[in-house]
Each structure stands twice: as C-alpha cells, then as structure tokens.
C-alpha cells in the first residue's frame, strides 16, 4: 500500500515537472514618468508689431502671416502635448 502511494506521488511529481511552464502573469500598472518633451518657444507674431498706422493692404498681409504663424505654433504645441499624454 505504501509503495503504491509512493509510486503515485512520484508519478504526479514527475508529471508536474514534465509539463510546459506557463508564462508569468503580466500586471499592468500606471507608473509616473515625467514629461521630457521641450516646450516650443513662442515666436514673435507679425501682428504683435502693428502700430495701427498701417494701410489696409499691409494690415491684411500682417494678419494673414500672423494667422499662419499661430497655426504653426499651435501644431508644435499640440505635438509636444501629445508626446506627453500618449505614454
């Protein structure tokens, strides 16, 4: 009786050693990482230098250039922000 119990225990232990190992469990946990993306420097916009004495054509050109510069700066800021929040 003891031999049969010993044989059964030995067979179970050997069977456990022969099985393929399972992969370790992956625990996903949020870990704080500081954002190391540099903040884009604010350019000087063309409309900032307007005095109010310009003619309509010059004023229109300056405001159009200001709009283009602000859209480019906004794209840089958005890219930096997405770089920090995407992690």
N, C-alpha and C. Protein backbone atom coordinates (compact mmCIF):
# COMPACT_ATOMS: atom_id res chain seq x y z
N UNK A 1 0.82 -1.18 0.00
CA UNK A 1 0.00 0.00 0.00
C UNK A 1 0.87 1.25 0.00
N UNK A 2 1.92 1.22 0.83
CA UNK A 2 2.80 2.39 0.89
C UNK A 2 3.55 2.55 -0.43
N UNK A 3 3.89 1.46 -1.05
CA UNK A 3 4.62 1.54 -2.30
C UNK A 3 3.73 2.12 -3.40
N UNK A 4 2.47 1.75 -3.40
CA UNK A 4 1.56 2.28 -4.41
C UNK A 4 1.35 3.77 -4.20
N UNK A 5 1.22 4.20 -2.95
CA UNK A 5 1.07 5.62 -2.64
C UNK A 5 2.33 6.38 -3.02
N UNK A 6 3.49 5.80 -2.71
CA UNK A 6 4.76 6.42 -3.07
C UNK A 6 4.89 6.51 -4.59
N UNK A 7 4.52 5.48 -5.31
CA UNK A 7 4.61 5.46 -6.77
C UNK A 7 3.67 6.49 -7.38
N UNK A 8 2.47 6.60 -6.83
CA UNK A 8 1.50 7.58 -7.34
C UNK A 8 1.99 9.00 -7.10
N UNK A 9 2.56 9.25 -5.92
CA UNK A 9 3.08 10.58 -5.61
C UNK A 9 4.26 10.91 -6.51
N UNK A 10 5.14 9.95 -6.72
CA UNK A 10 6.30 10.16 -7.58
C UNK A 10 5.85 10.42 -9.01
N UNK A 11 4.83 9.70 -9.47
CA UNK A 11 4.33 9.90 -10.83
C UNK A 11 3.73 11.29 -10.98
N UNK A 12 3.00 11.77 -9.98
CA UNK A 12 2.43 13.11 -10.04
C UNK A 12 3.52 14.18 -10.04
N UNK A 13 4.52 14.00 -9.21
CA UNK A 13 5.61 14.97 -9.17
C UNK A 13 6.38 15.01 -10.47
N UNK A 14 6.63 13.86 -11.06
CA UNK A 14 7.34 13.81 -12.34
C UNK A 14 6.48 14.37 -13.46
N UNK A 15 5.19 14.15 -13.40
CA UNK A 15 4.29 14.69 -14.42
C UNK A 15 4.26 16.22 -14.33
N UNK A 16 4.33 16.75 -13.13
CA UNK A 16 4.33 18.20 -12.96
C UNK A 16 5.61 18.81 -13.52
N UNK A 17 6.71 18.11 -13.40
CA UNK A 17 7.98 18.61 -13.92
C UNK A 17 8.01 18.54 -15.45
N UNK A 18 7.29 17.62 -16.04
CA UNK A 18 7.32 17.43 -17.48
C UNK A 18 6.39 18.40 -18.21
N UNK A 19 5.48 19.04 -17.52
CA UNK A 19 4.55 19.94 -18.20
C UNK A 19 5.27 21.21 -18.63
N UNK A 20 4.74 21.88 -19.62
CA UNK A 20 5.35 23.11 -20.12
C UNK A 20 5.08 24.24 -19.12
N UNK A 21 6.06 25.06 -18.89
CA UNK A 21 5.86 26.15 -17.93
C UNK A 21 4.91 27.20 -18.51
N UNK A 22 4.14 27.78 -17.68
CA UNK A 22 3.22 28.83 -18.12
C UNK A 22 3.93 30.18 -18.04
N UNK A 23 3.48 31.11 -18.84
CA UNK A 23 4.08 32.44 -18.85
C UNK A 23 3.69 33.17 -17.57
N UNK A 24 4.57 34.00 -17.06
CA UNK A 24 4.22 34.75 -15.85
C UNK A 24 3.10 35.75 -16.13
N UNK A 25 2.34 36.02 -15.13
CA UNK A 25 1.22 36.96 -15.28
C UNK A 25 1.77 38.37 -15.49
N UNK A 26 1.14 39.11 -16.38
CA UNK A 26 1.54 40.48 -16.65
C UNK A 26 0.60 41.40 -15.87
N UNK A 27 1.18 42.23 -15.05
CA UNK A 27 0.40 43.18 -14.27
C UNK A 27 0.63 44.56 -14.86
N UNK A 28 -0.44 45.16 -15.34
CA UNK A 28 -0.32 46.50 -15.92
C UNK A 28 -0.69 47.51 -14.85
N UNK A 29 0.27 48.35 -14.54
CA UNK A 29 0.07 49.33 -13.50
C UNK A 29 0.64 50.65 -13.98
N UNK A 30 -0.09 51.73 -13.77
CA UNK A 30 0.38 53.03 -14.20
C UNK A 30 1.58 53.46 -13.36
N UNK A 31 2.62 53.87 -14.05
CA UNK A 31 3.83 54.34 -13.38
C UNK A 31 4.09 55.76 -13.86
N UNK A 32 4.29 56.67 -12.92
CA UNK A 32 4.52 58.06 -13.28
C UNK A 32 5.85 58.22 -13.99
N UNK A 33 5.82 58.89 -15.13
CA UNK A 33 7.03 59.23 -15.86
C UNK A 33 6.96 60.71 -16.19
N UNK A 34 7.95 61.46 -15.81
CA UNK A 34 7.91 62.89 -16.11
C UNK A 34 8.00 63.14 -17.62
N UNK A 35 7.34 64.17 -18.06
CA UNK A 35 7.36 64.52 -19.48
C UNK A 35 8.66 65.24 -19.78
N UNK A 36 9.43 64.70 -20.71
CA UNK A 36 10.72 65.31 -21.04
C UNK A 36 10.71 65.97 -22.42
N UNK A 37 9.52 66.30 -22.92
CA UNK A 37 9.40 66.96 -24.22
C UNK A 37 9.61 68.46 -24.00
N UNK A 38 10.51 69.09 -24.75
CA UNK A 38 10.72 70.53 -24.55
C UNK A 38 9.52 71.34 -25.04
N UNK A 39 9.22 72.39 -24.30
CA UNK A 39 8.11 73.27 -24.68
C UNK A 39 8.60 74.16 -25.82
N UNK A 40 7.84 74.24 -26.91
CA UNK A 40 8.26 75.09 -28.03
C UNK A 40 8.32 76.55 -27.60
N UNK A 41 9.32 77.25 -28.08
CA UNK A 41 9.44 78.68 -27.76
C UNK A 41 8.42 79.47 -28.57
N UNK A 42 7.84 80.44 -27.92
CA UNK A 42 6.81 81.26 -28.57
C UNK A 42 7.49 82.23 -29.52
N UNK A 43 7.12 82.20 -30.81
CA UNK A 43 7.75 83.12 -31.76
C UNK A 43 7.14 84.52 -31.63
N UNK A 44 7.79 85.49 -32.24
CA UNK A 44 7.18 86.82 -32.30
C UNK A 44 6.23 86.82 -33.50
N UNK A 45 4.99 87.10 -33.24
CA UNK A 45 3.97 87.07 -34.29
C UNK A 45 3.94 88.41 -35.01
N UNK A 46 3.65 88.39 -36.32
CA UNK A 46 3.65 89.64 -37.10
C UNK A 46 2.65 90.68 -36.58
N UNK A 47 1.52 90.27 -36.07
CA UNK A 47 0.52 91.24 -35.61
C UNK A 47 0.95 91.92 -34.31
N UNK A 48 1.93 91.36 -33.60
CA UNK A 48 2.40 91.99 -32.37
C UNK A 48 3.13 93.30 -32.64
N UNK A 49 3.67 93.44 -33.84
CA UNK A 49 4.44 94.65 -34.16
C UNK A 49 3.62 95.72 -34.89
N UNK A 50 2.33 95.51 -35.04
CA UNK A 50 1.49 96.50 -35.72
C UNK A 50 1.28 97.71 -34.81
N UNK A 51 1.33 98.88 -35.42
CA UNK A 51 1.16 100.12 -34.64
C UNK A 51 -0.24 100.69 -34.77
N UNK A 52 -0.93 100.34 -35.82
CA UNK A 52 -2.27 100.89 -36.06
C UNK A 52 -2.26 101.94 -37.15
N UNK A 53 -1.08 102.35 -37.61
CA UNK A 53 -0.97 103.36 -38.67
C UNK A 53 -0.82 102.73 -40.05
N UNK A 54 -0.89 101.41 -40.16
CA UNK A 54 -0.69 100.74 -41.43
C UNK A 54 -1.93 100.89 -42.32
N UNK A 55 -1.70 100.80 -43.63
CA UNK A 55 -2.84 100.81 -44.54
C UNK A 55 -3.50 99.44 -44.53
N UNK A 56 -4.66 99.35 -45.15
CA UNK A 56 -5.46 98.12 -45.11
C UNK A 56 -4.71 96.96 -45.74
N UNK A 57 -4.01 97.18 -46.83
CA UNK A 57 -3.30 96.11 -47.50
C UNK A 57 -2.18 95.56 -46.61
N UNK A 58 -1.40 96.41 -45.99
CA UNK A 58 -0.32 95.98 -45.10
C UNK A 58 -0.89 95.28 -43.87
N UNK A 59 -1.98 95.82 -43.36
CA UNK A 59 -2.65 95.22 -42.20
C UNK A 59 -3.16 93.81 -42.54
N UNK A 60 -3.75 93.65 -43.72
CA UNK A 60 -4.25 92.34 -44.15
C UNK A 60 -3.13 91.33 -44.30
N UNK A 61 -2.00 91.77 -44.91
CA UNK A 61 -0.86 90.87 -45.06
C UNK A 61 -0.30 90.45 -43.71
N UNK A 62 -0.21 91.39 -42.79
CA UNK A 62 0.34 91.09 -41.47
C UNK A 62 -0.58 90.14 -40.70
N UNK A 63 -1.88 90.36 -40.79
CA UNK A 63 -2.82 89.49 -40.08
C UNK A 63 -2.84 88.09 -40.69
N UNK A 64 -2.69 87.98 -42.02
CA UNK A 64 -2.64 86.66 -42.64
C UNK A 64 -1.36 85.92 -42.22
N UNK A 65 -0.24 86.62 -42.21
CA UNK A 65 1.02 86.00 -41.78
C UNK A 65 0.93 85.62 -40.30
N UNK A 66 0.27 86.45 -39.51
CA UNK A 66 0.09 86.14 -38.08
C UNK A 66 -0.74 84.87 -37.91
N UNK A 67 -1.78 84.74 -38.70
CA UNK A 67 -2.63 83.54 -38.62
C UNK A 67 -1.82 82.28 -38.96
N UNK A 68 -1.02 82.35 -40.02
CA UNK A 68 -0.20 81.21 -40.42
C UNK A 68 0.83 80.85 -39.34
N UNK A 69 1.45 81.87 -38.76
CA UNK A 69 2.45 81.63 -37.71
C UNK A 69 1.80 81.03 -36.47
N UNK A 70 0.62 81.51 -36.10
CA UNK A 70 -0.08 80.97 -34.93
C UNK A 70 -0.52 79.52 -35.15
N UNK A 71 -0.96 79.19 -36.37
CA UNK A 71 -1.34 77.81 -36.65
C UNK A 71 -0.12 76.88 -36.58
N UNK A 72 1.03 77.35 -37.06
CA UNK A 72 2.25 76.53 -36.99
C UNK A 72 2.69 76.35 -35.54
N UNK A 73 2.59 77.41 -34.74
CA UNK A 73 2.97 77.32 -33.33
C UNK A 73 2.00 76.39 -32.59
N UNK A 74 0.72 76.48 -32.90
CA UNK A 74 -0.27 75.61 -32.27
C UNK A 74 0.02 74.14 -32.61
N UNK A 75 0.43 73.87 -33.84
CA UNK A 75 0.76 72.49 -34.22
C UNK A 75 1.96 71.98 -33.43
N UNK A 76 2.96 72.83 -33.20
CA UNK A 76 4.12 72.43 -32.39
C UNK A 76 3.72 72.14 -30.95
N UNK A 77 2.85 73.00 -30.40
CA UNK A 77 2.42 72.81 -29.01
C UNK A 77 1.59 71.54 -28.89
N UNK A 78 0.71 71.30 -29.84
CA UNK A 78 -0.11 70.08 -29.81
C UNK A 78 0.76 68.82 -29.91
N UNK A 79 1.79 68.87 -30.75
CA UNK A 79 2.68 67.73 -30.88
C UNK A 79 3.42 67.46 -29.57
N UNK A 80 3.87 68.52 -28.91
CA UNK A 80 4.54 68.35 -27.62
C UNK A 80 3.59 67.79 -26.57
N UNK A 81 2.36 68.28 -26.57
CA UNK A 81 1.36 67.81 -25.60
C UNK A 81 1.02 66.34 -25.85
N UNK A 82 0.84 65.96 -27.10
CA UNK A 82 0.54 64.57 -27.41
C UNK A 82 1.70 63.66 -27.04
N UNK A 83 2.92 64.17 -27.15
CA UNK A 83 4.08 63.38 -26.74
C UNK A 83 4.08 63.10 -25.25
N UNK A 84 3.50 63.99 -24.48
CA UNK A 84 3.45 63.80 -23.02
C UNK A 84 2.26 62.94 -22.60
N UNK A 85 1.16 63.06 -23.30
CA UNK A 85 -0.06 62.36 -22.86
C UNK A 85 -0.22 61.00 -23.48
N UNK A 86 0.52 60.65 -24.51
CA UNK A 86 0.36 59.38 -25.20
C UNK A 86 0.96 58.21 -24.43
N UNK A 87 1.81 58.47 -23.50
CA UNK A 87 2.51 57.39 -22.78
C UNK A 87 1.56 56.61 -22.03
